[in-house]
Amino acid sequence: MERDQAAKLRTQLESNRTMQPARTIAIASGKGGVGKSNVALNFSLELLNHGQKVLLFDLDIGMGNLDILLGAAPEATIVDMLSDHLRIHDIMETGPRGLAYVAAGSTLNDFFRLEQDQKEYFFQQYEELTHLYNYIIFDMGAGASEDMLAFVMAADECLVVTTPEPTSITDAYGLIKHIVHSRPKMPVSVMMNRSASMKSGQKALIRFHRVIMQFLGREIRMLGILPEDKAVMSAVIRQTPYVLLNDKAAVSKAMKKIARHYLADRSKLTNDKMSESFVQKLKKMMVGDFL
């Protein structure tokens, strides 16, 4: 994005600050190949469609594909921000529906081993965003690396994406188990992606919920089911989010329903303030208070 565009975006955002700090959502999966990034992108777009201000962070460092899904070529990434001391507004891109997003880059493989001044710079830049958005969504790397888990635990809530396939379910269980043991009160939602049908997906999601309750003693939110749909592959090939390419497709309708339900449930929570900010919690992770 051209620098004058970045300046225009920054001015527009800063003139429309929110009263409350942005709610952070970590979208994660126990394994790769479950469609997590596509879920993060299309979910973000549907939140925007309901008048929410959203920033999507691609934190799948080295494997990020948000720019590919959008058919974009980011001018700068979070890696460039840290290496070249850029302002975070200068690396933000604008996607469809005015979606603000930050690309991951390919060489920042270990956030914990950054120099202390780089970490502090990241925190400083992030704090500039907290009152500019309603939601900041992190598209996390798959699996359970130290870096990924730290960002997940520091978020206000985690949305776990899985599929009905047994290894995907097993890995999702392992991720949720870690979350429950590390942050017992953290809100966790599960989305069942690539279900053969809505009925079979619902059954798989209910079974998974029962397993979590039985073995972890923890309630999780069954956020919804996304069916297997040819529209997803068409969207990937055409590098256009499926909710925009074909809003009548089954998967698009399902995502719209999920976003509506998510926002309706959120509006009922009047005392949902976190005692610590995302940055405060992440700093604790780095000195071993959580992990």
C-alpha atoms as a PDB file:
ATOM      1  CA  MET A   1       0.000   0.000   0.000  1.00  0.00           C
ATOM      2  CA  GLU A   2       1.281   3.436  -0.845  1.00  0.00           C
ATOM      3  CA  ARG A   3       2.383   5.577   2.110  1.00  0.00           C
ATOM      4  CA  ASP A   4      -0.208   8.284   1.377  1.00  0.00           C
ATOM      5  CA  GLN A   5      -2.880   5.587   1.536  1.00  0.00           C
ATOM      6  CA  ALA A   6      -1.508   4.490   4.902  1.00  0.00           C
ATOM      7  CA  ALA A   7      -1.643   8.056   6.178  1.00  0.00           C
ATOM      8  CA  LYS A   8      -5.230   8.431   4.957  1.00  0.00           C
ATOM      9  CA  LEU A   9      -6.238   5.186   6.685  1.00  0.00           C
ATOM     10  CA  ARG A  10      -4.534   6.268   9.911  1.00  0.00           C
ATOM     11  CA  THR A  11      -6.321   9.634   9.912  1.00  0.00           C
ATOM     12  CA  GLN A  12      -9.673   8.011   9.210  1.00  0.00           C
ATOM     13  CA  LEU A  13      -9.247   5.475  12.012  1.00  0.00           C
ATOM     14  CA  GLU A  14      -7.980   7.918  14.612  1.00  0.00           C
ATOM     15  CA  SER A  15     -10.985  10.152  14.031  1.00  0.00           C
ATOM     16  CA  ASN A  16     -13.285   7.254  14.851  1.00  0.00           C
ATOM     17  CA  ARG A  17     -11.860   5.867  18.092  1.00  0.00           C
ATOM     18  CA  THR A  18     -13.817   3.342  20.159  1.00  0.00           C
ATOM     19  CA  MET A  19     -14.658   3.843  23.826  1.00  0.00           C
ATOM     20  CA  GLN A  20     -13.682   0.299  24.791  1.00  0.00           C
ATOM     21  CA  PRO A  21     -10.410  -1.399  23.801  1.00  0.00           C
ATOM     22  CA  ALA A  22     -10.648  -3.917  20.992  1.00  0.00           C
ATOM     23  CA  ARG A  23     -11.598  -7.455  21.904  1.00  0.00           C
ATOM     24  CA  THR A  24      -8.868  -9.856  20.785  1.00  0.00           C
ATOM     25  CA  ILE A  25      -9.814 -13.190  19.228  1.00  0.00           C
ATOM     26  CA  ALA A  26      -7.184 -15.840  18.523  1.00  0.00           C
ATOM     27  CA  ILE A  27      -8.324 -18.159  15.744  1.00  0.00           C
ATOM     28  CA  ALA A  28      -6.315 -21.352  16.077  1.00  0.00           C
ATOM     29  CA  SER A  29      -6.252 -25.020  15.110  1.00  0.00           C
ATOM     30  CA  GLY A  30      -4.550 -28.100  16.444  1.00  0.00           C
ATOM     31  CA  LYS A  31      -3.232 -28.993  12.993  1.00  0.00           C
ATOM     32  CA  GLY A  32      -2.831 -27.452   9.577  1.00  0.00           C
ATOM     33  CA  GLY A  33      -5.110 -27.991   6.617  1.00  0.00           C
ATOM     34  CA  VAL A  34      -8.428 -27.370   8.366  1.00  0.00           C
ATOM     35  CA  GLY A  35      -9.191 -24.089   6.574  1.00  0.00           C
ATOM     36  CA  LYS A  36      -8.379 -21.845   9.538  1.00  0.00           C
ATOM     37  CA  SER A  37      -7.180 -18.827   7.523  1.00  0.00           C
ATOM     38  CA  ASN A  38     -10.227 -18.949   5.277  1.00  0.00           C
ATOM     39  CA  VAL A  39     -12.430 -19.035   8.362  1.00  0.00           C
ATOM     40  CA  ALA A  40     -10.566 -16.090   9.913  1.00  0.00           C
ATOM     41  CA  LEU A  41     -10.872 -14.025   6.722  1.00  0.00           C
ATOM     42  CA  ASN A  42     -14.543 -14.682   6.032  1.00  0.00           C
ATOM     43  CA  PHE A  43     -15.533 -14.349   9.694  1.00  0.00           C
ATOM     44  CA  SER A  44     -13.773 -10.968   9.814  1.00  0.00           C
ATOM     45  CA  LEU A  45     -15.618  -9.826   6.704  1.00  0.00           C
ATOM     46  CA  GLU A  46     -18.964 -10.795   8.194  1.00  0.00           C
ATOM     47  CA  LEU A  47     -18.217  -8.874  11.392  1.00  0.00           C
ATOM     48  CA  LEU A  48     -17.462  -5.878   9.170  1.00  0.00           C
ATOM     49  CA  ASN A  49     -20.746  -6.448   7.400  1.00  0.00           C
ATOM     50  CA  HIS A  50     -22.462  -5.890  10.754  1.00  0.00           C
ATOM     51  CA  GLY A  51     -20.808  -2.528  11.281  1.00  0.00           C
ATOM     52  CA  GLN A  52     -17.899  -3.710  13.413  1.00  0.00           C
ATOM     53  CA  LYS A  53     -14.394  -2.271  12.980  1.00  0.00           C
ATOM     54  CA  VAL A  54     -12.025  -5.195  12.466  1.00  0.00           C
ATOM     55  CA  LEU A  55      -8.273  -5.645  12.117  1.00  0.00           C
ATOM     56  CA  LEU A  56      -7.027  -9.050  10.977  1.00  0.00           C
ATOM     57  CA  PHE A  57      -3.474 -10.004  11.916  1.00  0.00           C
ATOM     58  CA  ASP A  58      -1.845 -12.856   9.999  1.00  0.00           C
ATOM     59  CA  LEU A  59       0.432 -14.347  12.670  1.00  0.00           C
ATOM     60  CA  ASP A  60       1.156 -17.591  10.849  1.00  0.00           C
ATOM     61  CA  ILE A  61       4.742 -16.420  10.449  1.00  0.00           C
ATOM     62  CA  GLY A  62       6.515 -18.156   7.588  1.00  0.00           C
ATOM     63  CA  MET A  63       3.328 -19.900   6.430  1.00  0.00           C
ATOM     64  CA  GLY A  64       0.895 -16.999   6.256  1.00  0.00           C
ATOM     65  CA  ASN A  65      -1.443 -17.091   3.276  1.00  0.00           C
ATOM     66  CA  LEU A  66      -3.900 -14.291   3.944  1.00  0.00           C
ATOM     67  CA  ASP A  67      -2.431 -12.225   1.110  1.00  0.00           C
ATOM     68  CA  ILE A  68      -2.781 -15.240  -1.222  1.00  0.00           C
ATOM     69  CA  LEU A  69      -6.446 -15.692  -0.312  1.00  0.00           C
ATOM     70  CA  LEU A  70      -6.973 -12.010  -1.126  1.00  0.00           C
ATOM     71  CA  GLY A  71      -4.864 -11.985  -4.278  1.00  0.00           C
ATOM     72  CA  ALA A  72      -2.780  -9.201  -2.765  1.00  0.00           C
ATOM     73  CA  ALA A  73       0.917  -8.381  -2.632  1.00  0.00           C
ATOM     74  CA  PRO A  74       1.548  -6.529   0.655  1.00  0.00           C
ATOM     75  CA  GLU A  75       4.105  -3.770   0.460  1.00  0.00           C
ATOM     76  CA  ALA A  76       5.329  -4.498   3.984  1.00  0.00           C
ATOM     77  CA  THR A  77       4.746  -7.080   6.702  1.00  0.00           C
ATOM     78  CA  ILE A  78       5.081  -7.366  10.459  1.00  0.00           C
ATOM     79  CA  VAL A  79       8.624  -8.619   9.835  1.00  0.00           C
ATOM     80  CA  ASP A  80       9.446  -5.376   8.025  1.00  0.00           C
ATOM     81  CA  MET A  81       7.897  -3.349  10.823  1.00  0.00           C
ATOM     82  CA  LEU A  82      10.265  -4.871  13.361  1.00  0.00           C
ATOM     83  CA  SER A  83      13.376  -4.949  11.199  1.00  0.00           C
ATOM     84  CA  ASP A  84      12.943  -1.462   9.682  1.00  0.00           C
ATOM     85  CA  HIS A  85      11.224   0.224  12.638  1.00  0.00           C
ATOM     86  CA  LEU A  86       8.107   1.085  10.630  1.00  0.00           C
ATOM     87  CA  ARG A  87       4.904   2.340  12.197  1.00  0.00           C
ATOM     88  CA  ILE A  88       2.227  -0.307  12.328  1.00  0.00           C
ATOM     89  CA  HIS A  89      -0.101   1.926  10.296  1.00  0.00           C
ATOM     90  CA  ASP A  90       2.472   1.851   7.493  1.00  0.00           C
ATOM     91  CA  ILE A  91       2.255  -1.933   7.128  1.00  0.00           C
ATOM     92  CA  MET A  92      -1.521  -2.164   7.302  1.00  0.00           C
ATOM     93  CA  GLU A  93      -3.303  -3.078   4.096  1.00  0.00           C
ATOM     94  CA  THR A  94      -6.924  -2.510   3.121  1.00  0.00           C
ATOM     95  CA  GLY A  95      -8.898  -5.427   1.735  1.00  0.00           C
ATOM     96  CA  PRO A  96     -12.512  -5.925   0.629  1.00  0.00           C
ATOM     97  CA  ARG A  97     -15.227  -4.134   2.610  1.00  0.00           C
ATOM     98  CA  GLY A  98     -12.452  -1.942   4.003  1.00  0.00           C
ATOM     99  CA  LEU A  99     -10.960  -4.816   6.003  1.00  0.00           C
ATOM    100  CA  ALA A 100      -7.721  -3.726   7.652  1.00  0.00           C
ATOM    101  CA  TYR A 101      -5.124  -6.464   7.793  1.00  0.00           C
ATOM    102  CA  VAL A 102      -1.454  -7.034   8.513  1.00  0.00           C
ATOM    103  CA  ALA A 103       0.502  -9.643   6.548  1.00  0.00           C
ATOM    104  CA  ALA A 104       2.737 -12.122   8.365  1.00  0.00           C
ATOM    105  CA  GLY A 105       6.032 -12.110   6.486  1.00  0.00           C
ATOM    106  CA  SER A 106       8.377 -15.068   6.222  1.00  0.00           C
ATOM    107  CA  THR A 107      11.451 -14.638   8.390  1.00  0.00           C
ATOM    108  CA  LEU A 108      10.175 -13.960  11.922  1.00  0.00           C
ATOM    109  CA  ASN A 109      10.179 -17.538  13.170  1.00  0.00           C
ATOM    110  CA  ASP A 110      10.569 -17.007  16.895  1.00  0.00           C
ATOM    111  CA  PHE A 111       8.947 -13.998  18.518  1.00  0.00           C
ATOM    112  CA  PHE A 112      10.405 -14.926  21.905  1.00  0.00           C
ATOM    113  CA  ARG A 113      13.956 -14.561  20.628  1.00  0.00           C
ATOM    114  CA  LEU A 114      13.539 -11.045  19.348  1.00  0.00           C
ATOM    115  CA  GLU A 115      15.737  -8.408  20.881  1.00  0.00           C
ATOM    116  CA  GLN A 116      14.088  -6.697  23.851  1.00  0.00           C
ATOM    117  CA  ASP A 117      13.835  -3.381  22.006  1.00  0.00           C
ATOM    118  CA  GLN A 118      11.996  -5.125  19.142  1.00  0.00           C
ATOM    119  CA  LYS A 119       9.510  -6.650  21.562  1.00  0.00           C
ATOM    120  CA  GLU A 120       8.905  -3.305  23.219  1.00  0.00           C
ATOM    121  CA  TYR A 121       8.460  -1.680  19.825  1.00  0.00           C
ATOM    122  CA  PHE A 122       5.856  -4.291  18.875  1.00  0.00           C
ATOM    123  CA  PHE A 123       3.967  -3.647  22.118  1.00  0.00           C
ATOM    124  CA  GLN A 124       4.135   0.108  21.606  1.00  0.00           C
ATOM    125  CA  GLN A 125       2.812  -0.134  18.059  1.00  0.00           C
ATOM    126  CA  TYR A 126       0.078  -2.574  19.024  1.00  0.00           C
ATOM    127  CA  GLU A 127      -1.172  -0.246  21.764  1.00  0.00           C
ATOM    128  CA  GLU A 128      -1.842   2.383  19.091  1.00  0.00           C
ATOM    129  CA  LEU A 129      -4.545   0.109  17.681  1.00  0.00           C
ATOM    130  CA  THR A 130      -6.508  -0.902  20.741  1.00  0.00           C
ATOM    131  CA  HIS A 131      -9.058   1.930  20.587  1.00  0.00           C
ATOM    132  CA  LEU A 132      -9.362   2.015  16.805  1.00  0.00           C
ATOM    133  CA  TYR A 133     -11.179  -1.310  16.390  1.00  0.00           C
ATOM    134  CA  ASN A 134     -13.944  -3.333  17.962  1.00  0.00           C
ATOM    135  CA  TYR A 135     -12.154  -6.592  17.194  1.00  0.00           C
ATOM    136  CA  ILE A 136      -8.533  -7.506  16.565  1.00  0.00           C
ATOM    137  CA  ILE A 137      -8.388 -11.026  15.179  1.00  0.00           C
ATOM    138  CA  PHE A 138      -5.212 -13.107  15.146  1.00  0.00           C
ATOM    139  CA  ASP A 139      -4.933 -15.816  12.511  1.00  0.00           C
ATOM    140  CA  MET A 140      -2.541 -18.056  14.417  1.00  0.00           C
ATOM    141  CA  GLY A 141      -0.145 -20.660  13.096  1.00  0.00           C
ATOM    142  CA  ALA A 142      -1.356 -24.247  13.352  1.00  0.00           C
ATOM    143  CA  GLY A 143      -0.163 -26.482  16.160  1.00  0.00           C
ATOM    144  CA  ALA A 144       1.126 -25.720  19.630  1.00  0.00           C
ATOM    145  CA  SER A 145       4.426 -23.862  19.322  1.00  0.00           C
ATOM    146  CA  GLU A 146       5.556 -21.697  22.230  1.00  0.00           C
ATOM    147  CA  ASP A 147       5.001 -18.467  20.314  1.00  0.00           C
ATOM    148  CA  MET A 148       1.554 -19.461  19.059  1.00  0.00           C
ATOM    149  CA  LEU A 149       0.346 -20.531  22.497  1.00  0.00           C
ATOM    150  CA  ALA A 150       1.560 -17.301  24.093  1.00  0.00           C
ATOM    151  CA  PHE A 151      -0.528 -15.190  21.706  1.00  0.00           C
ATOM    152  CA  VAL A 152      -3.524 -17.486  22.174  1.00  0.00           C
ATOM    153  CA  MET A 153      -3.324 -17.281  25.970  1.00  0.00           C
ATOM    154  CA  ALA A 154      -2.973 -13.493  25.878  1.00  0.00           C
ATOM    155  CA  ALA A 155      -6.114 -13.040  23.751  1.00  0.00           C
ATOM    156  CA  ASP A 156      -9.528 -12.368  25.242  1.00  0.00           C
ATOM    157  CA  GLU A 157     -10.923 -15.516  23.678  1.00  0.00           C
ATOM    158  CA  CYS A 158      -9.951 -18.385  21.406  1.00  0.00           C
ATOM    159  CA  LEU A 159     -11.866 -19.755  18.441  1.00  0.00           C
ATOM    160  CA  VAL A 160     -10.675 -23.268  17.581  1.00  0.00           C
ATOM    161  CA  VAL A 161     -11.258 -24.471  14.032  1.00  0.00           C
ATOM    162  CA  THR A 162     -11.424 -28.204  13.438  1.00  0.00           C
ATOM    163  CA  THR A 163     -12.962 -30.666  10.989  1.00  0.00           C
ATOM    164  CA  PRO A 164     -14.818 -33.947  11.661  1.00  0.00           C
ATOM    165  CA  GLU A 165     -11.694 -35.883  10.595  1.00  0.00           C
ATOM    166  CA  PRO A 166     -10.363 -37.896  13.611  1.00  0.00           C
ATOM    167  CA  THR A 167      -6.803 -36.530  13.656  1.00  0.00           C
ATOM    168  CA  SER A 168      -8.133 -32.978  13.433  1.00  0.00           C
ATOM    169  CA  ILE A 169     -10.469 -33.636  16.364  1.00  0.00           C
ATOM    170  CA  THR A 170      -7.628 -35.166  18.388  1.00  0.00           C
ATOM    171  CA  ASP A 171      -5.326 -32.220  17.767  1.00  0.00           C
ATOM    172  CA  ALA A 172      -8.097 -29.722  18.562  1.00  0.00           C
ATOM    173  CA  TYR A 173      -8.708 -31.539  21.857  1.00  0.00           C
ATOM    174  CA  GLY A 174      -5.004 -31.285  22.689  1.00  0.00           C
ATOM    175  CA  LEU A 175      -5.020 -27.545  22.019  1.00  0.00           C
ATOM    176  CA  ILE A 176      -8.112 -26.956  24.151  1.00  0.00           C
ATOM    177  CA  LYS A 177      -6.654 -29.112  26.930  1.00  0.00           C
ATOM    178  CA  HIS A 178      -3.606 -26.867  27.037  1.00  0.00           C
ATOM    179  CA  ILE A 179      -5.773 -23.749  27.096  1.00  0.00           C
ATOM    180  CA  VAL A 180      -7.972 -25.114  29.896  1.00  0.00           C
ATOM    181  CA  HIS A 181      -4.962 -26.030  32.027  1.00  0.00           C
ATOM    182  CA  SER A 182      -3.198 -22.699  31.428  1.00  0.00           C
ATOM    183  CA  ARG A 183      -6.171 -20.307  31.508  1.00  0.00           C
ATOM    184  CA  PRO A 184      -9.171 -22.130  32.985  1.00  0.00           C
ATOM    185  CA  LYS A 185     -11.538 -19.175  32.573  1.00  0.00           C
ATOM    186  CA  MET A 186     -10.618 -18.290  29.000  1.00  0.00           C
ATOM    187  CA  PRO A 187     -13.668 -18.350  26.694  1.00  0.00           C
ATOM    188  CA  VAL A 188     -13.221 -21.039  24.037  1.00  0.00           C
ATOM    189  CA  SER A 189     -15.412 -21.555  20.975  1.00  0.00           C
ATOM    190  CA  VAL A 190     -15.267 -24.318  18.392  1.00  0.00           C
ATOM    191  CA  MET A 191     -16.196 -24.148  14.731  1.00  0.00           C
ATOM    192  CA  MET A 192     -16.600 -27.396  12.784  1.00  0.00           C
ATOM    193  CA  ASN A 193     -15.370 -26.783   9.230  1.00  0.00           C
ATOM    194  CA  ARG A 194     -15.682 -28.920   6.095  1.00  0.00           C
ATOM    195  CA  SER A 195     -18.584 -31.009   7.329  1.00  0.00           C
ATOM    196  CA  ALA A 196     -20.106 -33.420   4.813  1.00  0.00           C
ATOM    197  CA  SER A 197     -23.504 -32.021   5.802  1.00  0.00           C
ATOM    198  CA  MET A 198     -24.880 -29.674   8.415  1.00  0.00           C
ATOM    199  CA  LYS A 199     -26.472 -32.641  10.194  1.00  0.00           C
ATOM    200  CA  SER A 200     -23.276 -34.695  10.363  1.00  0.00           C
ATOM    201  CA  GLY A 201     -21.298 -31.619  11.361  1.00  0.00           C
ATOM    202  CA  GLN A 202     -23.726 -30.906  14.191  1.00  0.00           C
ATOM    203  CA  LYS A 203     -23.374 -34.477  15.440  1.00  0.00           C
ATOM    204  CA  ALA A 204     -19.578 -34.262  15.330  1.00  0.00           C
ATOM    205  CA  LEU A 205     -19.606 -30.935  17.167  1.00  0.00           C
ATOM    206  CA  ILE A 206     -21.924 -32.254  19.896  1.00  0.00           C
ATOM    207  CA  ARG A 207     -19.748 -35.360  20.361  1.00  0.00           C
ATOM    208  CA  PHE A 208     -16.660 -33.168  20.645  1.00  0.00           C
ATOM    209  CA  HIS A 209     -18.402 -30.936  23.168  1.00  0.00           C
ATOM    210  CA  ARG A 210     -19.308 -33.976  25.282  1.00  0.00           C
ATOM    211  CA  VAL A 211     -15.697 -35.199  25.260  1.00  0.00           C
ATOM    212  CA  ILE A 212     -14.465 -31.800  26.433  1.00  0.00           C
ATOM    213  CA  MET A 213     -17.049 -31.757  29.214  1.00  0.00           C
ATOM    214  CA  GLN A 214     -16.306 -35.337  30.279  1.00  0.00           C
ATOM    215  CA  PHE A 215     -12.515 -35.214  30.346  1.00  0.00           C
ATOM    216  CA  LEU A 216     -11.762 -31.532  30.910  1.00  0.00           C
ATOM    217  CA  GLY A 217     -14.840 -30.512  32.861  1.00  0.00           C
ATOM    218  CA  ARG A 218     -15.112 -27.388  30.829  1.00  0.00           C
ATOM    219  CA  GLU A 219     -17.951 -25.796  28.888  1.00  0.00           C
ATOM    220  CA  ILE A 220     -17.041 -24.672  25.382  1.00  0.00           C
ATOM    221  CA  ARG A 221     -19.161 -22.702  22.985  1.00  0.00           C
ATOM    222  CA  MET A 222     -20.320 -24.575  19.896  1.00  0.00           C
ATOM    223  CA  LEU A 223     -20.085 -21.643  17.511  1.00  0.00           C
ATOM    224  CA  GLY A 224     -21.282 -23.396  14.388  1.00  0.00           C
ATOM    225  CA  ILE A 225     -20.776 -25.679  11.401  1.00  0.00           C
ATOM    226  CA  LEU A 226     -19.424 -24.843   7.969  1.00  0.00           C
ATOM    227  CA  PRO A 227     -20.264 -27.404   5.269  1.00  0.00           C
ATOM    228  CA  GLU A 228     -17.919 -28.772   2.649  1.00  0.00           C
ATOM    229  CA  ASP A 229     -18.658 -26.588  -0.354  1.00  0.00           C
ATOM    230  CA  LYS A 230     -17.163 -26.282  -3.841  1.00  0.00           C
ATOM    231  CA  ALA A 231     -17.547 -22.530  -3.469  1.00  0.00           C
ATOM    232  CA  VAL A 232     -14.564 -22.534  -1.091  1.00  0.00           C
ATOM    233  CA  MET A 233     -12.191 -23.948  -3.691  1.00  0.00           C
ATOM    234  CA  SER A 234     -13.575 -21.594  -6.317  1.00  0.00           C
ATOM    235  CA  ALA A 235     -12.955 -18.693  -3.963  1.00  0.00           C
ATOM    236  CA  VAL A 236      -9.375 -19.793  -3.294  1.00  0.00           C
ATOM    237  CA  ILE A 237      -8.665 -20.136  -7.026  1.00  0.00           C
ATOM    238  CA  ARG A 238     -10.179 -16.735  -7.760  1.00  0.00           C
ATOM    239  CA  GLN A 239      -8.522 -15.229  -4.679  1.00  0.00           C
ATOM    240  CA  THR A 240     -11.799 -13.780  -3.473  1.00  0.00           C
ATOM    241  CA  PRO A 241     -13.389 -14.545  -0.068  1.00  0.00           C
ATOM    242  CA  TYR A 242     -16.318 -16.898  -0.511  1.00  0.00           C
ATOM    243  CA  VAL A 243     -18.798 -14.635   1.323  1.00  0.00           C
ATOM    244  CA  LEU A 244     -18.124 -12.089  -1.434  1.00  0.00           C
ATOM    245  CA  LEU A 245     -17.772 -14.445  -4.384  1.00  0.00           C
ATOM    246  CA  ASN A 246     -21.080 -16.216  -3.769  1.00  0.00           C
ATOM    247  CA  ASP A 247     -23.164 -15.073  -0.827  1.00  0.00           C
ATOM    248  CA  LYS A 248     -25.823 -17.663  -1.723  1.00  0.00           C
ATOM    249  CA  ALA A 249     -23.440 -20.614  -1.329  1.00  0.00           C
ATOM    250  CA  ALA A 250     -24.123 -22.943   1.600  1.00  0.00           C
ATOM    251  CA  VAL A 251     -20.805 -22.108   3.263  1.00  0.00           C
ATOM    252  CA  SER A 252     -21.448 -18.361   2.933  1.00  0.00           C
ATOM    253  CA  LYS A 253     -24.910 -18.664   4.462  1.00  0.00           C
ATOM    254  CA  ALA A 254     -23.457 -20.694   7.311  1.00  0.00           C
ATOM    255  CA  MET A 255     -20.739 -18.115   7.982  1.00  0.00           C
ATOM    256  CA  LYS A 256     -23.279 -15.296   7.970  1.00  0.00           C
ATOM    257  CA  LYS A 257     -25.354 -17.184  10.520  1.00  0.00           C
ATOM    258  CA  ILE A 258     -22.303 -17.808  12.720  1.00  0.00           C
ATOM    259  CA  ALA A 259     -21.354 -14.121  12.701  1.00  0.00           C
ATOM    260  CA  ARG A 260     -24.908 -13.048  13.570  1.00  0.00           C
ATOM    261  CA  HIS A 261     -25.073 -15.479  16.479  1.00  0.00           C
ATOM    262  CA  TYR A 262     -21.621 -14.482  17.704  1.00  0.00           C
ATOM    263  CA  LEU A 263     -22.516 -10.787  17.811  1.00  0.00           C
ATOM    264  CA  ALA A 264     -25.937 -11.457  19.355  1.00  0.00           C
ATOM    265  CA  ASP A 265     -24.330 -13.456  22.171  1.00  0.00           C
ATOM    266  CA  ARG A 266     -21.619 -10.823  22.683  1.00  0.00           C
ATOM    267  CA  SER A 267     -24.231  -8.083  23.060  1.00  0.00           C
ATOM    268  CA  LYS A 268     -25.715  -9.951  26.047  1.00  0.00           C
ATOM    269  CA  LEU A 269     -22.414  -9.840  27.956  1.00  0.00           C
ATOM    270  CA  THR A 270     -22.469  -6.584  29.887  1.00  0.00           C
ATOM    271  CA  ASN A 271     -19.697  -7.376  32.411  1.00  0.00           C
ATOM    272  CA  ASP A 272     -17.141  -8.929  30.129  1.00  0.00           C
ATOM    273  CA  LYS A 273     -14.161  -6.641  30.750  1.00  0.00           C
ATOM    274  CA  MET A 274     -10.761  -8.278  30.981  1.00  0.00           C
ATOM    275  CA  SER A 275      -8.678  -7.374  34.040  1.00  0.00           C
ATOM    276  CA  GLU A 276      -5.520  -7.147  31.927  1.00  0.00           C
ATOM    277  CA  SER A 277      -4.852  -6.038  28.376  1.00  0.00           C
ATOM    278  CA  PHE A 278      -3.527  -8.274  25.617  1.00  0.00           C
ATOM    279  CA  VAL A 279      -0.078  -6.677  25.901  1.00  0.00           C
ATOM    280  CA  GLN A 280       0.016  -7.072  29.694  1.00  0.00           C
ATOM    281  CA  LYS A 281      -0.814 -10.756  29.410  1.00  0.00           C
ATOM    282  CA  LEU A 282       1.642 -11.363  26.585  1.00  0.00           C
ATOM    283  CA  LYS A 283       4.435  -9.775  28.594  1.00  0.00           C
ATOM    284  CA  LYS A 284       3.648 -12.188  31.422  1.00  0.00           C
ATOM    285  CA  MET A 285       3.925 -15.108  29.025  1.00  0.00           C
ATOM    286  CA  MET A 286       7.414 -14.026  28.150  1.00  0.00           C
ATOM    287  CA  VAL A 287       8.625 -14.328  31.717  1.00  0.00           C
ATOM    288  CA  GLY A 288       6.990 -17.689  32.211  1.00  0.00           C
ATOM    289  CA  ASP A 289       4.003 -16.702  34.336  1.00  0.00           C
ATOM    290  CA  PHE A 290       1.614 -18.693  32.165  1.00  0.00           C
ATOM    291  CA  LEU A 291       3.606 -21.152  30.039  1.00  0.00           C
END
